[in-house]
Structures are given as structure tokens and as C-alpha cells.
Protein backbone atom coordinates (compact mmCIF):
# COMPACT_ATOMS: atom_id res chain seq x y z
CA MET A 1 -16.19 -40.63 -24.06
CA GLN A 2 -14.09 -40.91 -27.15
CA ILE A 3 -14.08 -44.44 -28.54
CA SER A 4 -11.14 -44.00 -30.86
CA GLY A 5 -7.88 -44.92 -29.18
CA SER A 6 -9.55 -46.98 -26.46
CA SER A 7 -9.61 -50.73 -26.25
CA ALA A 8 -12.81 -52.72 -25.82
CA VAL A 9 -13.72 -56.27 -24.90
CA VAL A 10 -16.93 -57.73 -26.32
CA VAL A 11 -17.95 -60.93 -24.57
CA GLY A 12 -20.05 -62.99 -26.95
CA GLY A 13 -18.46 -60.95 -29.71
CA ALA A 14 -18.80 -63.65 -32.37
CA GLY A 15 -22.60 -63.85 -32.04
CA GLY A 16 -25.22 -61.70 -33.74
CA LEU A 17 -25.44 -58.75 -31.33
CA GLY A 18 -21.80 -59.14 -30.38
CA GLU A 19 -20.46 -59.28 -33.91
CA ALA A 20 -22.38 -56.15 -34.87
CA THR A 21 -20.96 -54.42 -31.79
CA VAL A 22 -17.42 -55.52 -32.64
CA ARG A 23 -17.81 -54.10 -36.14
CA ARG A 24 -19.30 -50.84 -34.86
CA LEU A 25 -16.64 -50.22 -32.22
CA HIS A 26 -13.87 -51.22 -34.62
CA SER A 27 -15.15 -48.77 -37.22
CA ALA A 28 -15.22 -46.06 -34.53
CA GLY A 29 -11.52 -46.59 -33.87
CA ALA A 30 -11.47 -48.92 -30.86
CA LYS A 31 -9.02 -51.80 -30.46
CA VAL A 32 -11.46 -54.66 -29.98
CA VAL A 33 -11.02 -58.06 -28.37
CA VAL A 34 -13.63 -60.67 -29.30
CA ALA A 35 -14.23 -62.95 -26.30
CA ASP A 36 -16.28 -65.99 -27.23
CA LEU A 37 -16.37 -69.77 -27.52
CA ALA A 38 -17.19 -69.80 -31.25
CA ASP A 39 -13.69 -70.36 -32.60
CA ASP A 40 -14.53 -70.34 -36.31
CA LYS A 41 -16.50 -67.10 -36.19
CA GLY A 42 -14.09 -65.45 -33.79
CA LYS A 43 -11.07 -66.23 -35.91
CA ALA A 44 -12.91 -65.14 -39.06
CA LEU A 45 -13.50 -61.73 -37.47
CA GLU A 46 -9.86 -61.64 -36.40
CA ASP A 47 -8.72 -62.27 -39.98
CA GLU A 48 -11.19 -59.86 -41.55
CA LEU A 49 -10.95 -56.87 -39.20
CA GLY A 50 -7.60 -57.28 -37.49
CA VAL A 51 -9.28 -57.53 -34.08
CA ARG A 52 -8.08 -60.11 -31.59
CA TYR A 53 -10.01 -63.26 -30.72
CA VAL A 54 -9.63 -64.85 -27.28
CA ARG A 55 -11.49 -68.06 -26.51
CA THR A 56 -13.55 -67.17 -23.45
CA ASP A 57 -16.09 -68.91 -21.24
CA ALA A 58 -17.93 -66.05 -19.51
CA THR A 59 -18.46 -68.21 -16.41
CA SER A 60 -14.70 -68.64 -15.96
CA GLU A 61 -12.72 -66.07 -14.00
CA ALA A 62 -9.47 -67.12 -15.65
CA ASP A 63 -10.91 -66.90 -19.18
CA VAL A 64 -12.43 -63.46 -18.65
CA GLN A 65 -9.20 -62.22 -17.07
CA GLU A 66 -7.28 -63.44 -20.12
CA ALA A 67 -9.60 -61.57 -22.49
CA ILE A 68 -9.29 -58.43 -20.38
CA ALA A 69 -5.51 -58.69 -20.32
CA ALA A 70 -5.52 -59.02 -24.12
CA ALA A 71 -7.61 -55.86 -24.38
CA GLU A 72 -5.36 -53.94 -21.98
CA ALA A 73 -2.38 -54.95 -24.10
CA GLU A 74 -4.00 -53.19 -27.07
CA GLY A 75 -4.59 -49.89 -25.25
CA PRO A 76 -6.44 -48.38 -22.29
CA LEU A 77 -9.49 -50.55 -21.61
CA ARG A 78 -12.50 -48.26 -21.40
CA ILE A 79 -15.34 -50.33 -22.90
CA SER A 80 -16.76 -53.70 -21.89
CA VAL A 81 -19.83 -55.08 -23.63
CA ASP A 82 -21.40 -58.40 -22.65
CA THR A 83 -23.70 -60.07 -25.18
CA HIS A 84 -22.95 -63.72 -24.44
CA GLY A 85 -25.66 -66.36 -24.58
CA GLY A 86 -26.07 -70.06 -24.09
CA PRO A 87 -28.68 -72.71 -23.35
CA ALA A 88 -31.64 -71.73 -21.17
CA SER A 89 -34.07 -74.07 -19.48
CA GLY A 90 -37.81 -73.50 -19.53
CA GLY A 91 -41.21 -74.91 -18.74
CA ARG A 92 -44.10 -74.10 -16.46
CA LEU A 93 -43.32 -73.79 -12.77
CA VAL A 94 -45.59 -76.77 -12.21
CA GLY A 95 -46.34 -78.99 -15.20
CA LYS A 96 -49.72 -80.39 -16.14
CA ASP A 97 -48.69 -83.65 -14.53
CA GLY A 98 -47.87 -81.87 -11.26
CA THR A 99 -44.10 -82.04 -11.71
CA PRO A 100 -42.22 -78.96 -10.42
CA LEU A 101 -39.79 -77.19 -12.73
CA ASP A 102 -36.31 -78.73 -12.77
CA LEU A 103 -33.94 -77.15 -10.23
CA ALA A 104 -30.76 -78.10 -12.08
CA GLY A 105 -31.96 -76.39 -15.25
CA PHE A 106 -32.81 -73.25 -13.29
CA ARG A 107 -29.36 -73.18 -11.72
CA THR A 108 -27.66 -73.62 -15.09
CA THR A 109 -29.67 -70.79 -16.63
CA ILE A 110 -28.85 -68.49 -13.72
CA GLU A 111 -25.17 -69.43 -14.01
CA ILE A 112 -25.02 -68.56 -17.69
CA TYR A 113 -27.31 -65.54 -17.85
CA LEU A 114 -26.74 -63.87 -14.48
CA THR A 115 -23.69 -65.17 -12.64
CA ALA A 116 -21.54 -64.97 -15.77
CA VAL A 117 -22.72 -61.40 -16.40
CA PHE A 118 -21.70 -60.53 -12.84
CA ASN A 119 -18.34 -62.20 -13.48
CA VAL A 120 -17.70 -60.09 -16.57
CA LEU A 121 -19.02 -56.95 -14.87
CA ARG A 122 -16.81 -57.21 -11.79
CA LEU A 123 -13.62 -58.10 -13.65
CA SER A 124 -14.00 -55.61 -16.47
CA ALA A 125 -14.99 -52.82 -14.05
CA ALA A 126 -11.87 -53.49 -11.98
CA ALA A 127 -9.74 -53.33 -15.13
CA ILE A 128 -11.36 -50.13 -16.38
CA ALA A 129 -10.84 -48.59 -12.93
CA ARG A 130 -7.08 -49.12 -13.37
CA GLN A 131 -6.96 -46.81 -16.39
CA GLU A 132 -5.98 -43.16 -16.22
CA PRO A 133 -9.08 -41.00 -15.74
CA LEU A 134 -10.28 -38.75 -18.53
CA GLU A 135 -12.56 -35.75 -18.20
CA SER A 136 -15.40 -38.14 -19.09
CA GLY A 137 -14.35 -40.70 -16.46
CA ARG A 138 -12.61 -44.00 -16.99
CA GLY A 139 -15.07 -45.99 -19.08
CA VAL A 140 -18.31 -47.91 -19.33
CA VAL A 141 -19.67 -51.43 -18.94
CA VAL A 142 -22.67 -52.35 -21.09
CA ASN A 143 -24.69 -55.42 -20.11
CA THR A 144 -27.47 -57.16 -21.99
CA ALA A 145 -30.77 -58.09 -20.35
CA SER A 146 -34.07 -58.70 -22.15
CA ILE A 147 -37.60 -57.39 -22.03
CA ALA A 148 -38.34 -60.83 -20.57
CA ALA A 149 -36.99 -59.29 -17.36
CA PHE A 150 -40.19 -57.25 -17.23
CA GLU A 151 -42.74 -59.43 -19.06
CA GLY A 152 -41.43 -62.96 -18.91
CA GLN A 153 -43.68 -65.33 -20.81
CA ILE A 154 -45.23 -68.58 -19.62
CA GLY A 155 -42.49 -71.20 -19.43
CA GLN A 156 -39.72 -68.59 -19.30
CA LEU A 157 -39.23 -68.32 -15.54
CA PRO A 158 -35.49 -69.21 -15.29
CA TYR A 159 -34.53 -66.89 -18.14
CA ALA A 160 -36.75 -64.07 -16.86
CA ALA A 161 -35.28 -64.45 -13.38
CA ALA A 162 -31.73 -64.25 -14.73
CA LYS A 163 -32.42 -61.23 -16.90
CA GLY A 164 -34.30 -59.58 -14.04
CA GLY A 165 -31.15 -60.00 -11.99
CA VAL A 166 -29.10 -58.23 -14.65
CA VAL A 167 -31.59 -55.35 -14.56
CA GLY A 168 -31.41 -55.28 -10.78
CA MET A 169 -27.60 -55.06 -10.76
CA THR A 170 -27.46 -52.04 -13.04
CA LEU A 171 -28.18 -49.10 -10.73
CA VAL A 172 -26.38 -50.65 -7.76
CA ALA A 173 -23.27 -51.31 -9.85
CA ALA A 174 -23.36 -47.76 -11.22
CA ARG A 175 -23.54 -46.40 -7.69
CA ASP A 176 -20.76 -48.71 -6.48
CA LEU A 177 -18.49 -47.64 -9.33
CA SER A 178 -19.29 -43.92 -9.35
CA PRO A 179 -16.24 -42.94 -7.23
CA LEU A 180 -14.08 -44.68 -9.85
CA GLY A 181 -15.64 -42.92 -12.83
CA VAL A 182 -16.97 -46.15 -14.37
CA ARG A 183 -20.49 -46.13 -15.82
CA VAL A 184 -22.85 -49.11 -16.08
CA VAL A 185 -25.73 -49.30 -18.54
CA THR A 186 -27.92 -52.24 -19.54
CA ILE A 187 -29.71 -52.77 -22.84
CA ALA A 188 -32.92 -54.82 -22.73
CA PRO A 189 -33.62 -55.97 -26.29
CA GLY A 190 -36.94 -57.23 -27.53
CA THR A 191 -37.09 -59.75 -30.34
CA PHE A 192 -33.95 -59.52 -32.46
CA LEU A 193 -33.30 -61.41 -35.67
CA THR A 194 -29.73 -62.73 -35.64
CA PRO A 195 -27.87 -65.09 -37.98
CA ALA A 196 -28.06 -67.81 -35.32
CA TYR A 197 -31.67 -68.48 -36.28
CA GLY A 198 -30.72 -69.43 -39.85
CA LYS A 199 -33.71 -70.50 -41.95
CA ALA A 200 -35.96 -70.31 -38.90
CA GLY A 201 -35.53 -66.53 -39.01
CA ASP A 202 -38.24 -66.15 -41.63
CA GLN A 203 -40.74 -67.96 -39.43
CA LEU A 204 -39.79 -65.88 -36.42
CA GLU A 205 -40.10 -62.67 -38.41
CA ALA A 206 -43.54 -63.70 -39.63
CA TYR A 207 -44.62 -64.42 -36.05
CA TRP A 208 -43.03 -61.54 -34.12
CA GLY A 209 -42.93 -58.79 -36.75
CA PRO A 210 -46.69 -58.06 -36.72
CA GLN A 211 -46.70 -57.95 -32.90
CA VAL A 212 -44.20 -55.09 -32.71
CA PRO A 213 -46.09 -51.74 -32.64
CA PHE A 214 -43.51 -49.93 -34.79
CA PRO A 215 -41.51 -50.66 -36.79
CA LYS A 216 -43.40 -53.89 -37.47
CA ARG A 217 -40.40 -56.17 -37.64
CA MET A 218 -37.84 -57.81 -35.43
CA GLY A 219 -34.82 -55.83 -34.35
CA ARG A 220 -31.55 -55.93 -36.28
CA SER A 221 -28.15 -56.45 -34.70
CA PRO A 222 -26.70 -53.18 -36.07
CA GLU A 223 -29.43 -51.33 -34.16
CA TYR A 224 -28.18 -52.84 -30.93
CA ALA A 225 -24.61 -51.92 -31.87
CA ALA A 226 -25.61 -48.34 -32.66
CA LEU A 227 -27.08 -48.02 -29.18
CA VAL A 228 -23.86 -49.37 -27.66
CA GLN A 229 -21.92 -46.65 -29.45
CA SER A 230 -24.35 -43.98 -28.22
CA ILE A 231 -24.00 -45.24 -24.66
CA CYS A 232 -20.22 -45.10 -24.91
CA GLU A 233 -20.25 -41.57 -26.27
CA ASN A 234 -22.93 -40.10 -23.98
CA ASP A 235 -21.27 -39.62 -20.60
CA TYR A 236 -24.55 -38.80 -18.86
CA LEU A 237 -26.04 -42.23 -19.52
CA ASN A 238 -25.44 -44.17 -16.32
CA GLY A 239 -27.31 -46.61 -14.11
CA GLU A 240 -30.04 -47.00 -16.69
CA VAL A 241 -31.78 -49.90 -18.41
CA ILE A 242 -32.76 -49.05 -21.97
CA ARG A 243 -35.46 -51.07 -23.72
CA LEU A 244 -34.76 -51.60 -27.40
CA ASP A 245 -37.96 -53.22 -28.57
CA GLY A 246 -40.08 -51.12 -30.95
CA ALA A 247 -42.58 -50.66 -28.06
CA LEU A 248 -43.19 -54.43 -27.89
CA ARG A 249 -44.59 -55.84 -24.65
CA PHE A 250 -44.48 -59.62 -24.40
CA PRO A 251 -47.88 -61.28 -24.12
CA PRO A 252 -48.24 -64.17 -21.63
CA LYS A 253 -47.37 -66.66 -24.40
């Protein structure tokens, strides 16, 4: 699929992975809408690149629809990328004092990291399906999971469950959307160093870098964005979950 001339919506587009994706798709000729809650960063990208920022809560149907409408106004919407984040609860399923893991925290994590992904997936897929078909189909939705979906660590049950749900949706969604010519692919990153970590990034790099088989470092946001571009351009990538982790497998803790 040709990126140039298409419009794209990047949910979480002001964050580390999202910002890199916005820059990559913009440089490839897409008309990009940054959908996020980080007003300062979103507007800074809008001023710098000429993209459009739309304040968007990924859990809100109305907000996501507004971002999609903004993208459709820029051109045929053929690309949706979801990199949004948010708070995640954690802790052992049963604590040392015998207390079970908090149900409210689990529900909140599922809402942010799974239900919101479904919300973006369903609405953006419906919008892409409205576009005129090309020889390559109508477009692609790229979701973000985590290798925690496969090797969730101790204390990571809510997050691992949510990301496992994103993985589980991928093939089914691709099959559901195949008559419409809309592809669905999920990226499962390992440990990525993003600006959000600030000064703590050095400590994280020192801890995680040696654990990655090769290259022995944390991932970089532009590497995620490069994979997004490859997924967009390779029409035969569909229904797949791609690990982007330097061959890292999470230990129990």
C-alpha cells in the first residue's frame, strides 16, 4: 500500500512510540492526525510538522470518532496505528498477607489497554472500510501489544491479560475484515526506551540492556516506527503478531 496521499490516525501519537510513528508516516507522505491527551506535545508536533492534533481519550467513542473524522477530512483514511498508554495496576494475584489482587485496578487496566484498543480498532476499521478500494485493499490497522502478553512477569497479571487480549483479537479481526480489504497487524514490543522515562532511562538501560540477546540495548522508538511503515507497505502482512524485542524473553521477575 502506498502511504503517500493517504491519511493516517495515530492514537497515542504524542508519546514515544506514537511520536516516532507520526514522524515516519509524515515523512512518507501521509496526512497524519495525532490523537492523544498530551496537549502540549500534540500541539508542538502540530506546529512543527503541520500535522493535526485532536485531543482524544481512546476509551471514548465520541473522541475517537472525532479524530477519525479529522483524518478523513485530510484524505482517504487508510492507516490507523494505536500506541496509547496509561496507568496499569499490578501486584501478585495473592499478596503475602493473603489479600487478593484489587478488582477495580484490574478493570481499569483492561479498560485502558484492551477495551480502548478494541474501541479504536472497530471505529477505525469501519472508517477505512468506507474508502475506495485500491489494488492493495483499503488499508491497515496496527495495534500495539507487548511481549508481556506471552511472558508476563510476576505482579504483571492485569497488564499481561490486557495485552494478551490484544494479541487474541488480531487474527480474528483480520478474518472479520478480510471481505472489506482491511488488514490488521499487531506489534509486540519488548523493552523500549522512550522519552517518558526521563532520567530514569539510564537506569532502565543499564538493567534491561544486558538482558537482551542482541542488540544488547533497549529498543528505540524509530525502530517501532520503521516496522509500522513496513507493515503498511507490505500488503501480505495480515493477521500477524510481530515481536520486536531483540530476542528478549521476560524472566519471571
